[in-house]
Amino acid sequence: MTPDGRLFTYLDRKGFKTPRVIGFLRRLLRLLPGKLLIIWDNASTHHSQDMRDFLALPDIQARLQVLYLPTYAPELNPVELVWRYLKYVLLKNRVVRTLHELKLALRRAIRRLRRQPHLLRQFVRHAKIYSVPEPDLTSL
């Protein structure tokens, strides 16, 4: 999710192990020019040795900075607002019979949300991350 209202997603029924997260980051780096600030919760994949090795690569360090949120602080994470909106607004009362139907419904809901960049920008502004001192991006 970007402050200008773009949403990038990756759905995978197998779960998000470190190699998949690294693959997603590589994809973001191809899609988005310039330096990126990644705001992360404390999921184990974000702290694994493979992730630390990936983030230590010179070409990755030149483009990515990671800001780790405090433990149990969903109010600081704008993506939590995205998931809440998807679950309680766009997918509210949705009944599906299979995982495949759920995946299709979720993809449709994400497409609808992407057509509302003003709402995504509002999620970024609403997250209390702005009460946290801004990271110094000049060193990137």
Foldseek 3Di string as FASTA:
>chain_A
DDLQQADDDDDDPVDDALVNVLVVVVVVPVVDDAADEAEEEVPPSCVDPVNVVSCPPPVNVRHYDYDYDDHPQVLQPLVSVVVCCCDCPQCNPPDDDDPVVVVVSSVVSVVVSSVCSVVSNVSNVRRPNVVPDDDDPPVD
